Amino acid sequence: MTVISLDSKKNNRLAVNDQKFFIKRVEHDGKVWVLPSECPHRGGPLHLGKQCEKTGAIVCPWHDNRISMHCIKRSSLPAISNKDLVHVVLPNDNYHIWSESKS
């Protein structure tokens, strides 16, 4: 197990082994989550999706499927945040961090 710390203003993407994640501050609960980037429906890029203001679900940009936060949080990485600093627990030390802007 590995614990890393990153500045969420400078880095918003994380890969562990072959699985990609994105860092998201969820408005409904005010917490920072490290969520899987692939939509469970067809692998669409959830990190490019919008969050529904009414339900909090993330809308996949490929098929407009709404993935509930309850569902997506089950696949998230354990993390806590203190302002912009995010501490993430990883299963191993095979990871890569980068920043990617939303288009």
N, C-alpha and C. Protein backbone atom coordinates (compact mmCIF):
# COMPACT_ATOMS: atom_id res chain seq x y z
N MET A 1 0.85 -1.17 0.00
CA MET A 1 0.00 0.00 0.00
C MET A 1 0.90 1.24 0.00
N THR A 2 0.50 2.25 -0.78
CA THR A 2 1.23 3.49 -0.91
C THR A 2 0.29 4.65 -0.67
N VAL A 3 0.76 5.66 0.05
CA VAL A 3 -0.01 6.88 0.24
C VAL A 3 0.73 8.01 -0.46
N ILE A 4 0.00 8.73 -1.32
CA ILE A 4 0.61 9.87 -2.01
C ILE A 4 -0.17 11.13 -1.65
N SER A 5 0.47 12.27 -1.82
CA SER A 5 -0.17 13.57 -1.62
C SER A 5 0.04 14.38 -2.88
N LEU A 6 -1.03 15.04 -3.32
CA LEU A 6 -0.91 15.86 -4.51
C LEU A 6 -1.76 17.11 -4.38
N ASP A 7 -1.34 18.12 -5.10
CA ASP A 7 -2.05 19.40 -5.13
C ASP A 7 -3.13 19.30 -6.21
N SER A 8 -4.40 19.34 -5.82
CA SER A 8 -5.49 19.16 -6.79
C SER A 8 -5.61 20.33 -7.76
N LYS A 9 -5.00 21.47 -7.47
CA LYS A 9 -5.02 22.58 -8.43
C LYS A 9 -3.99 22.37 -9.53
N LYS A 10 -2.97 21.58 -9.25
CA LYS A 10 -1.91 21.33 -10.24
C LYS A 10 -2.09 20.00 -10.95
N ASN A 11 -2.69 19.01 -10.29
CA ASN A 11 -2.86 17.67 -10.86
C ASN A 11 -4.28 17.19 -10.64
N ASN A 12 -4.90 16.70 -11.71
CA ASN A 12 -6.28 16.24 -11.59
C ASN A 12 -6.51 14.83 -12.13
N ARG A 13 -5.44 14.17 -12.55
CA ARG A 13 -5.56 12.81 -13.09
C ARG A 13 -4.54 11.91 -12.43
N LEU A 14 -4.89 10.63 -12.35
CA LEU A 14 -4.04 9.65 -11.69
C LEU A 14 -4.28 8.31 -12.35
N ALA A 15 -3.20 7.59 -12.61
CA ALA A 15 -3.31 6.23 -13.14
C ALA A 15 -2.62 5.29 -12.14
N VAL A 16 -3.29 4.20 -11.82
CA VAL A 16 -2.73 3.17 -10.97
C VAL A 16 -2.79 1.88 -11.77
N ASN A 17 -1.62 1.29 -12.01
CA ASN A 17 -1.52 0.16 -12.93
C ASN A 17 -2.11 0.62 -14.27
N ASP A 18 -3.16 -0.01 -14.76
CA ASP A 18 -3.77 0.39 -16.03
C ASP A 18 -5.09 1.14 -15.85
N GLN A 19 -5.48 1.40 -14.61
CA GLN A 19 -6.76 2.06 -14.36
C GLN A 19 -6.54 3.55 -14.13
N LYS A 20 -7.36 4.38 -14.81
CA LYS A 20 -7.24 5.83 -14.69
C LYS A 20 -8.34 6.38 -13.79
N PHE A 21 -7.98 7.46 -13.07
CA PHE A 21 -8.89 8.11 -12.14
C PHE A 21 -8.83 9.62 -12.36
N PHE A 22 -9.86 10.32 -11.88
CA PHE A 22 -9.83 11.78 -11.89
C PHE A 22 -10.22 12.31 -10.53
N ILE A 23 -9.71 13.48 -10.22
CA ILE A 23 -9.97 14.09 -8.92
C ILE A 23 -11.11 15.06 -9.08
N LYS A 24 -12.11 14.91 -8.25
CA LYS A 24 -13.34 15.71 -8.38
C LYS A 24 -13.82 16.18 -7.02
N ARG A 25 -14.05 17.47 -6.89
CA ARG A 25 -14.71 17.99 -5.70
C ARG A 25 -16.20 17.94 -5.99
N VAL A 26 -16.92 17.17 -5.19
CA VAL A 26 -18.35 16.96 -5.40
C VAL A 26 -19.11 18.01 -4.62
N GLU A 27 -19.92 18.77 -5.34
CA GLU A 27 -20.65 19.88 -4.73
C GLU A 27 -21.66 19.41 -3.69
N HIS A 28 -22.28 18.25 -3.89
CA HIS A 28 -23.33 17.79 -2.98
C HIS A 28 -22.84 17.45 -1.58
N ASP A 29 -21.59 16.92 -1.49
CA ASP A 29 -21.09 16.60 -0.16
C ASP A 29 -19.86 17.41 0.23
N GLY A 30 -19.34 18.21 -0.71
CA GLY A 30 -18.19 19.07 -0.43
C GLY A 30 -16.87 18.33 -0.30
N LYS A 31 -16.87 17.03 -0.56
CA LYS A 31 -15.66 16.22 -0.42
C LYS A 31 -14.94 16.09 -1.76
N VAL A 32 -13.65 15.78 -1.67
CA VAL A 32 -12.87 15.48 -2.85
C VAL A 32 -12.82 13.97 -3.00
N TRP A 33 -13.11 13.50 -4.20
CA TRP A 33 -13.12 12.08 -4.50
C TRP A 33 -12.13 11.78 -5.62
N VAL A 34 -11.56 10.60 -5.60
CA VAL A 34 -10.69 10.12 -6.68
C VAL A 34 -11.49 9.02 -7.36
N LEU A 35 -12.13 9.40 -8.48
CA LEU A 35 -13.13 8.56 -9.14
C LEU A 35 -12.57 7.90 -10.40
N PRO A 36 -13.07 6.72 -10.75
CA PRO A 36 -12.62 6.06 -11.98
C PRO A 36 -13.03 6.88 -13.21
N SER A 37 -12.13 6.93 -14.18
CA SER A 37 -12.36 7.73 -15.38
C SER A 37 -13.24 7.04 -16.41
N GLU A 38 -13.38 5.73 -16.32
CA GLU A 38 -14.15 5.01 -17.33
C GLU A 38 -15.59 4.79 -16.89
N CYS A 39 -16.52 5.10 -17.77
CA CYS A 39 -17.93 4.85 -17.53
C CYS A 39 -18.15 3.34 -17.49
N PRO A 40 -18.91 2.84 -16.51
CA PRO A 40 -19.16 1.40 -16.43
C PRO A 40 -20.00 0.87 -17.59
N HIS A 41 -20.69 1.75 -18.32
CA HIS A 41 -21.55 1.32 -19.43
C HIS A 41 -20.72 0.87 -20.62
N ARG A 42 -19.92 1.77 -21.20
CA ARG A 42 -19.14 1.43 -22.38
C ARG A 42 -17.73 2.01 -22.34
N GLY A 43 -17.25 2.38 -21.16
CA GLY A 43 -15.87 2.86 -21.03
C GLY A 43 -15.67 4.30 -21.44
N GLY A 44 -16.74 5.08 -21.52
CA GLY A 44 -16.63 6.49 -21.89
C GLY A 44 -15.81 7.28 -20.87
N PRO A 45 -15.32 8.45 -21.26
CA PRO A 45 -14.46 9.26 -20.40
C PRO A 45 -15.25 10.08 -19.37
N LEU A 46 -15.51 9.50 -18.22
CA LEU A 46 -16.30 10.19 -17.19
C LEU A 46 -15.65 11.48 -16.73
N HIS A 47 -14.31 11.55 -16.81
CA HIS A 47 -13.64 12.78 -16.38
C HIS A 47 -14.00 13.97 -17.26
N LEU A 48 -14.57 13.72 -18.42
CA LEU A 48 -15.03 14.80 -19.31
C LEU A 48 -16.53 15.05 -19.16
N GLY A 49 -17.19 14.25 -18.34
CA GLY A 49 -18.63 14.39 -18.15
C GLY A 49 -18.96 15.55 -17.23
N LYS A 50 -20.20 15.96 -17.27
CA LYS A 50 -20.70 17.03 -16.40
C LYS A 50 -21.43 16.41 -15.23
N GLN A 51 -21.47 17.15 -14.13
CA GLN A 51 -22.20 16.68 -12.97
C GLN A 51 -23.59 17.29 -12.98
N CYS A 52 -24.60 16.45 -12.84
CA CYS A 52 -25.98 16.90 -12.80
C CYS A 52 -26.20 17.71 -11.52
N GLU A 53 -26.69 18.93 -11.67
CA GLU A 53 -26.90 19.80 -10.51
C GLU A 53 -27.99 19.27 -9.59
N LYS A 54 -28.98 18.64 -10.16
CA LYS A 54 -30.12 18.17 -9.36
C LYS A 54 -29.81 16.90 -8.56
N THR A 55 -29.19 15.91 -9.22
CA THR A 55 -28.98 14.62 -8.57
C THR A 55 -27.53 14.38 -8.13
N GLY A 56 -26.58 15.11 -8.71
CA GLY A 56 -25.17 14.90 -8.41
C GLY A 56 -24.53 13.83 -9.27
N ALA A 57 -25.32 13.13 -10.10
CA ALA A 57 -24.79 12.08 -10.98
C ALA A 57 -23.84 12.70 -12.00
N ILE A 58 -22.90 11.88 -12.47
CA ILE A 58 -22.01 12.33 -13.54
C ILE A 58 -22.58 11.79 -14.85
N VAL A 59 -22.71 12.68 -15.83
CA VAL A 59 -23.29 12.33 -17.12
C VAL A 59 -22.17 12.00 -18.09
N CYS A 60 -22.14 10.76 -18.58
CA CYS A 60 -21.12 10.32 -19.52
C CYS A 60 -21.27 11.10 -20.84
N PRO A 61 -20.19 11.66 -21.37
CA PRO A 61 -20.29 12.44 -22.60
C PRO A 61 -20.55 11.60 -23.85
N TRP A 62 -20.36 10.29 -23.80
CA TRP A 62 -20.58 9.46 -24.98
C TRP A 62 -22.04 9.12 -25.21
N HIS A 63 -22.75 8.68 -24.18
CA HIS A 63 -24.12 8.20 -24.36
C HIS A 63 -25.13 8.88 -23.46
N ASP A 64 -24.73 9.94 -22.78
CA ASP A 64 -25.60 10.68 -21.86
C ASP A 64 -26.15 9.82 -20.72
N ASN A 65 -25.47 8.72 -20.41
CA ASN A 65 -25.88 7.92 -19.25
C ASN A 65 -25.52 8.65 -17.98
N ARG A 66 -26.41 8.62 -17.02
CA ARG A 66 -26.14 9.22 -15.71
C ARG A 66 -25.64 8.13 -14.77
N ILE A 67 -24.43 8.34 -14.26
CA ILE A 67 -23.85 7.39 -13.32
C ILE A 67 -23.98 8.02 -11.94
N SER A 68 -24.74 7.39 -11.08
CA SER A 68 -24.99 7.97 -9.75
C SER A 68 -23.68 8.03 -8.97
N MET A 69 -23.59 9.02 -8.11
CA MET A 69 -22.40 9.14 -7.28
C MET A 69 -22.30 7.93 -6.35
N HIS A 70 -23.42 7.39 -5.92
CA HIS A 70 -23.40 6.20 -5.08
C HIS A 70 -22.68 5.06 -5.81
N CYS A 71 -22.99 4.89 -7.08
CA CYS A 71 -22.40 3.82 -7.88
C CYS A 71 -20.91 4.08 -8.13
N ILE A 72 -20.56 5.27 -8.54
CA ILE A 72 -19.18 5.56 -8.90
C ILE A 72 -18.26 5.63 -7.68
N LYS A 73 -18.79 6.05 -6.54
CA LYS A 73 -17.96 6.13 -5.33
C LYS A 73 -17.50 4.75 -4.88
N ARG A 74 -18.25 3.70 -5.22
CA ARG A 74 -17.86 2.34 -4.83
C ARG A 74 -16.54 1.93 -5.47
N SER A 75 -16.20 2.55 -6.61
CA SER A 75 -14.95 2.22 -7.31
C SER A 75 -13.88 3.29 -7.11
N SER A 76 -14.13 4.23 -6.21
CA SER A 76 -13.16 5.30 -5.99
C SER A 76 -11.99 4.82 -5.14
N LEU A 77 -10.92 5.60 -5.16
CA LEU A 77 -9.78 5.32 -4.29
C LEU A 77 -9.98 6.04 -2.96
N PRO A 78 -9.55 5.46 -1.86
CA PRO A 78 -9.66 6.14 -0.57
C PRO A 78 -8.82 7.43 -0.58
N ALA A 79 -9.44 8.52 -0.17
CA ALA A 79 -8.73 9.81 -0.18
C ALA A 79 -9.32 10.74 0.86
N ILE A 80 -8.48 11.63 1.34
CA ILE A 80 -8.93 12.72 2.19
C ILE A 80 -8.27 13.99 1.66
N SER A 81 -8.89 15.12 1.94
CA SER A 81 -8.31 16.37 1.45
C SER A 81 -8.26 17.40 2.57
N ASN A 82 -7.29 18.27 2.44
CA ASN A 82 -7.14 19.42 3.31
C ASN A 82 -6.88 20.60 2.39
N LYS A 83 -7.94 21.38 2.14
CA LYS A 83 -7.91 22.47 1.16
C LYS A 83 -7.60 21.86 -0.20
N ASP A 84 -6.49 22.22 -0.83
CA ASP A 84 -6.18 21.72 -2.17
C ASP A 84 -5.27 20.48 -2.15
N LEU A 85 -4.79 20.09 -0.99
CA LEU A 85 -3.92 18.93 -0.88
C LEU A 85 -4.77 17.67 -0.69
N VAL A 86 -4.56 16.69 -1.56
CA VAL A 86 -5.32 15.44 -1.52
C VAL A 86 -4.36 14.30 -1.20
N HIS A 87 -4.71 13.50 -0.20
CA HIS A 87 -3.93 12.33 0.19
C HIS A 87 -4.71 11.11 -0.28
N VAL A 88 -4.06 10.27 -1.07
CA VAL A 88 -4.73 9.13 -1.70
C VAL A 88 -4.01 7.84 -1.31
N VAL A 89 -4.78 6.82 -0.98
CA VAL A 89 -4.24 5.50 -0.66
C VAL A 89 -4.30 4.65 -1.93
N LEU A 90 -3.13 4.15 -2.35
CA LEU A 90 -3.03 3.34 -3.57
C LEU A 90 -2.68 1.89 -3.20
N PRO A 91 -3.08 0.94 -4.04
CA PRO A 91 -2.79 -0.46 -3.73
C PRO A 91 -1.31 -0.82 -3.88
N ASN A 92 -0.56 -0.02 -4.65
CA ASN A 92 0.87 -0.29 -4.86
C ASN A 92 1.55 1.01 -5.29
N ASP A 93 2.81 0.93 -5.65
CA ASP A 93 3.53 2.15 -6.04
C ASP A 93 3.67 2.29 -7.56
N ASN A 94 2.84 1.61 -8.31
CA ASN A 94 2.84 1.71 -9.77
C ASN A 94 1.78 2.75 -10.18
N TYR A 95 2.15 4.03 -10.12
CA TYR A 95 1.20 5.10 -10.41
C TYR A 95 1.85 6.22 -11.21
N HIS A 96 1.00 7.04 -11.80
CA HIS A 96 1.44 8.21 -12.57
C HIS A 96 0.42 9.32 -12.33
N ILE A 97 0.90 10.54 -12.11
CA ILE A 97 0.04 11.69 -11.85
C ILE A 97 0.26 12.72 -12.96
N TRP A 98 -0.83 13.35 -13.43
CA TRP A 98 -0.70 14.41 -14.42
C TRP A 98 -1.90 15.34 -14.35
N SER A 99 -1.83 16.39 -15.12
CA SER A 99 -2.93 17.35 -15.19
C SER A 99 -3.52 17.32 -16.59
N GLU A 100 -4.83 17.37 -16.66
CA GLU A 100 -5.52 17.37 -17.94
C GLU A 100 -6.67 18.36 -17.84
N SER A 101 -6.71 19.30 -18.76
CA SER A 101 -7.80 20.28 -18.71
C SER A 101 -9.02 19.75 -19.44
N LYS A 102 -10.19 20.17 -18.96
CA LYS A 102 -11.44 19.82 -19.64
C LYS A 102 -11.58 20.74 -20.84
N SER A 103 -11.95 20.17 -21.95
CA SER A 103 -12.13 20.97 -23.17
C SER A 103 -13.47 21.66 -23.18
